[in-house]
Amino acid sequence: MDLIQNDSLKKAIVNMYEFQFAVLVKDYDHSEWVLAQSVTFPIFNRFVRRHINSTTTGKPIDFEALKSNDEFINMLHNIVRFKKSDIVRFKEVRLKLETLINDIDKALNSI
């Protein structure tokens, strides 16, 4: 950072790494973990029988009942809403990162 003379560019780089990326990593991981621990895993444990040799596959205990179970459907809607919100957040940071990259390129080209 000592090599960068442009103070606004320095601040933008620091903001990207210390705030934008940190929020994505920490908040996303934390939110994902909380949702999984408090909602997803308990509901899956009630309604899905996992295969003994797999941590990722399972089979509904009663598929027909599951299709109309409000708790399960709400969980799926919450997961979808959570993922859509994350996609928006990731896109916003990507755009900010692209702008920062362009600003860095301009600064390098002006040297």
C-alpha atoms as a PDB file:
ATOM      1  CA  MET A   1       0.000   0.000   0.000  1.00  0.00           C
ATOM      2  CA  ASP A   2       2.971   2.316   0.539  1.00  0.00           C
ATOM      3  CA  LEU A   3       3.665   2.262  -3.207  1.00  0.00           C
ATOM      4  CA  ILE A   4       0.240   3.691  -4.049  1.00  0.00           C
ATOM      5  CA  GLN A   5       0.300   7.498  -4.149  1.00  0.00           C
ATOM      6  CA  ASN A   6      -3.401   8.104  -4.889  1.00  0.00           C
ATOM      7  CA  ASP A   7      -5.182   8.369  -1.520  1.00  0.00           C
ATOM      8  CA  SER A   8      -8.659   7.722  -2.914  1.00  0.00           C
ATOM      9  CA  LEU A   9      -7.402   4.587  -4.677  1.00  0.00           C
ATOM     10  CA  LYS A  10      -5.729   3.438  -1.449  1.00  0.00           C
ATOM     11  CA  LYS A  11      -8.989   3.928   0.445  1.00  0.00           C
ATOM     12  CA  ALA A  12     -10.961   2.058  -2.228  1.00  0.00           C
ATOM     13  CA  ILE A  13      -8.574  -0.925  -2.093  1.00  0.00           C
ATOM     14  CA  VAL A  14      -8.646  -1.025   1.703  1.00  0.00           C
ATOM     15  CA  ASN A  15     -12.443  -0.749   1.665  1.00  0.00           C
ATOM     16  CA  MET A  16     -12.689  -3.618  -0.817  1.00  0.00           C
ATOM     17  CA  TYR A  17     -10.573  -5.971   1.278  1.00  0.00           C
ATOM     18  CA  GLU A  18     -11.464  -4.886   4.800  1.00  0.00           C
ATOM     19  CA  PHE A  19     -15.164  -4.259   4.272  1.00  0.00           C
ATOM     20  CA  GLN A  20     -16.673  -5.605   1.039  1.00  0.00           C
ATOM     21  CA  PHE A  21     -14.834  -8.951   1.022  1.00  0.00           C
ATOM     22  CA  ALA A  22     -15.045  -9.296   4.798  1.00  0.00           C
ATOM     23  CA  VAL A  23     -18.812  -8.826   4.750  1.00  0.00           C
ATOM     24  CA  LEU A  24     -19.192 -11.399   1.999  1.00  0.00           C
ATOM     25  CA  VAL A  25     -17.042 -13.982   3.696  1.00  0.00           C
ATOM     26  CA  LYS A  26     -17.977 -13.474   7.345  1.00  0.00           C
ATOM     27  CA  ASP A  27     -21.638 -12.552   6.992  1.00  0.00           C
ATOM     28  CA  TYR A  28     -22.331 -15.086   4.270  1.00  0.00           C
ATOM     29  CA  ASP A  29     -20.629 -17.926   6.152  1.00  0.00           C
ATOM     30  CA  HIS A  30     -22.297 -16.993   9.413  1.00  0.00           C
ATOM     31  CA  SER A  31     -25.766 -16.617   7.894  1.00  0.00           C
ATOM     32  CA  GLU A  32     -25.383 -19.864   5.992  1.00  0.00           C
ATOM     33  CA  TRP A  33     -24.283 -21.696   9.141  1.00  0.00           C
ATOM     34  CA  VAL A  34     -27.113 -20.261  11.267  1.00  0.00           C
ATOM     35  CA  LEU A  35     -29.740 -21.167   8.657  1.00  0.00           C
ATOM     36  CA  ALA A  36     -28.360 -24.684   8.324  1.00  0.00           C
ATOM     37  CA  GLN A  37     -28.082 -25.309  12.065  1.00  0.00           C
ATOM     38  CA  SER A  38     -31.349 -23.761  13.172  1.00  0.00           C
ATOM     39  CA  VAL A  39     -33.659 -24.571  10.260  1.00  0.00           C
ATOM     40  CA  THR A  40     -32.381 -26.762   7.437  1.00  0.00           C
ATOM     41  CA  PHE A  41     -30.730 -29.614   9.360  1.00  0.00           C
ATOM     42  CA  PRO A  42     -33.540 -30.081  11.908  1.00  0.00           C
ATOM     43  CA  ILE A  43     -36.191 -30.177   9.173  1.00  0.00           C
ATOM     44  CA  PHE A  44     -34.146 -32.505   6.986  1.00  0.00           C
ATOM     45  CA  ASN A  45     -33.551 -34.790   9.943  1.00  0.00           C
ATOM     46  CA  ARG A  46     -37.315 -35.069  10.467  1.00  0.00           C
ATOM     47  CA  PHE A  47     -38.293 -35.605   6.835  1.00  0.00           C
ATOM     48  CA  VAL A  48     -35.328 -37.086   4.962  1.00  0.00           C
ATOM     49  CA  ARG A  49     -33.560 -40.389   5.567  1.00  0.00           C
ATOM     50  CA  ARG A  50     -29.901 -39.992   4.698  1.00  0.00           C
ATOM     51  CA  HIS A  51     -27.989 -42.807   3.065  1.00  0.00           C
ATOM     52  CA  ILE A  52     -25.533 -44.324   5.512  1.00  0.00           C
ATOM     53  CA  ASN A  53     -22.505 -44.004   3.209  1.00  0.00           C
ATOM     54  CA  SER A  54     -23.239 -40.486   1.975  1.00  0.00           C
ATOM     55  CA  THR A  55     -23.273 -37.067   3.587  1.00  0.00           C
ATOM     56  CA  THR A  56     -24.999 -35.422   0.630  1.00  0.00           C
ATOM     57  CA  THR A  57     -27.785 -37.735  -0.520  1.00  0.00           C
ATOM     58  CA  GLY A  58     -30.961 -38.894   1.083  1.00  0.00           C
ATOM     59  CA  LYS A  59     -34.516 -39.979   0.415  1.00  0.00           C
ATOM     60  CA  PRO A  60     -37.735 -38.436   1.728  1.00  0.00           C
ATOM     61  CA  ILE A  61     -39.316 -40.585   4.413  1.00  0.00           C
ATOM     62  CA  ASP A  62     -42.801 -39.861   3.030  1.00  0.00           C
ATOM     63  CA  PHE A  63     -42.547 -38.016  -0.289  1.00  0.00           C
ATOM     64  CA  GLU A  64     -46.286 -37.453  -0.756  1.00  0.00           C
ATOM     65  CA  ALA A  65     -46.691 -35.965   2.725  1.00  0.00           C
ATOM     66  CA  LEU A  66     -43.549 -33.874   2.247  1.00  0.00           C
ATOM     67  CA  LYS A  67     -44.938 -32.219  -0.906  1.00  0.00           C
ATOM     68  CA  SER A  68     -47.688 -30.584   1.145  1.00  0.00           C
ATOM     69  CA  ASN A  69     -45.824 -30.044   4.428  1.00  0.00           C
ATOM     70  CA  ASP A  70     -45.881 -26.307   5.206  1.00  0.00           C
ATOM     71  CA  GLU A  71     -42.762 -26.433   7.376  1.00  0.00           C
ATOM     72  CA  PHE A  72     -40.727 -28.075   4.615  1.00  0.00           C
ATOM     73  CA  ILE A  73     -42.109 -25.766   1.914  1.00  0.00           C
ATOM     74  CA  ASN A  74     -41.384 -22.683   4.042  1.00  0.00           C
ATOM     75  CA  MET A  75     -37.834 -23.910   4.590  1.00  0.00           C
ATOM     76  CA  LEU A  76     -37.329 -24.259   0.823  1.00  0.00           C
ATOM     77  CA  HIS A  77     -38.767 -20.773   0.213  1.00  0.00           C
ATOM     78  CA  ASN A  78     -36.437 -19.326   2.860  1.00  0.00           C
ATOM     79  CA  ILE A  79     -33.417 -21.010   1.305  1.00  0.00           C
ATOM     80  CA  VAL A  80     -34.338 -19.682  -2.140  1.00  0.00           C
ATOM     81  CA  ARG A  81     -34.897 -16.155  -0.774  1.00  0.00           C
ATOM     82  CA  PHE A  82     -31.589 -16.302   1.105  1.00  0.00           C
ATOM     83  CA  LYS A  83     -29.717 -17.434  -2.019  1.00  0.00           C
ATOM     84  CA  LYS A  84     -31.333 -14.752  -4.209  1.00  0.00           C
ATOM     85  CA  SER A  85     -30.315 -12.090  -1.704  1.00  0.00           C
ATOM     86  CA  ASP A  86     -26.752 -13.416  -1.707  1.00  0.00           C
ATOM     87  CA  ILE A  87     -26.622 -13.349  -5.504  1.00  0.00           C
ATOM     88  CA  VAL A  88     -27.599  -9.675  -5.451  1.00  0.00           C
ATOM     89  CA  ARG A  89     -24.918  -8.944  -2.844  1.00  0.00           C
ATOM     90  CA  PHE A  90     -22.245 -10.850  -4.787  1.00  0.00           C
ATOM     91  CA  LYS A  91     -23.155  -8.997  -7.994  1.00  0.00           C
ATOM     92  CA  GLU A  92     -22.915  -5.622  -6.232  1.00  0.00           C
ATOM     93  CA  VAL A  93     -19.452  -6.437  -4.915  1.00  0.00           C
ATOM     94  CA  ARG A  94     -18.388  -7.751  -8.311  1.00  0.00           C
ATOM     95  CA  LEU A  95     -19.375  -4.446  -9.924  1.00  0.00           C
ATOM     96  CA  LYS A  96     -17.467  -2.493  -7.269  1.00  0.00           C
ATOM     97  CA  LEU A  97     -14.464  -4.745  -7.814  1.00  0.00           C
ATOM     98  CA  GLU A  98     -14.596  -4.216 -11.586  1.00  0.00           C
ATOM     99  CA  THR A  99     -14.666  -0.450 -11.022  1.00  0.00           C
ATOM    100  CA  LEU A 100     -11.716  -0.720  -8.655  1.00  0.00           C
ATOM    101  CA  ILE A 101      -9.752  -2.785 -11.166  1.00  0.00           C
ATOM    102  CA  ASN A 102     -10.423  -0.151 -13.843  1.00  0.00           C
ATOM    103  CA  ASP A 103      -9.282   2.581 -11.460  1.00  0.00           C
ATOM    104  CA  ILE A 104      -6.087   0.649 -10.698  1.00  0.00           C
ATOM    105  CA  ASP A 105      -5.462   0.145 -14.422  1.00  0.00           C
ATOM    106  CA  LYS A 106      -5.922   3.893 -15.044  1.00  0.00           C
ATOM    107  CA  ALA A 107      -3.501   4.724 -12.244  1.00  0.00           C
ATOM    108  CA  LEU A 108      -0.925   2.283 -13.600  1.00  0.00           C
ATOM    109  CA  ASN A 109      -1.284   3.633 -17.124  1.00  0.00           C
ATOM    110  CA  SER A 110      -0.758   7.191 -15.931  1.00  0.00           C
ATOM    111  CA  ILE A 111       2.627   6.388 -14.409  1.00  0.00           C
END
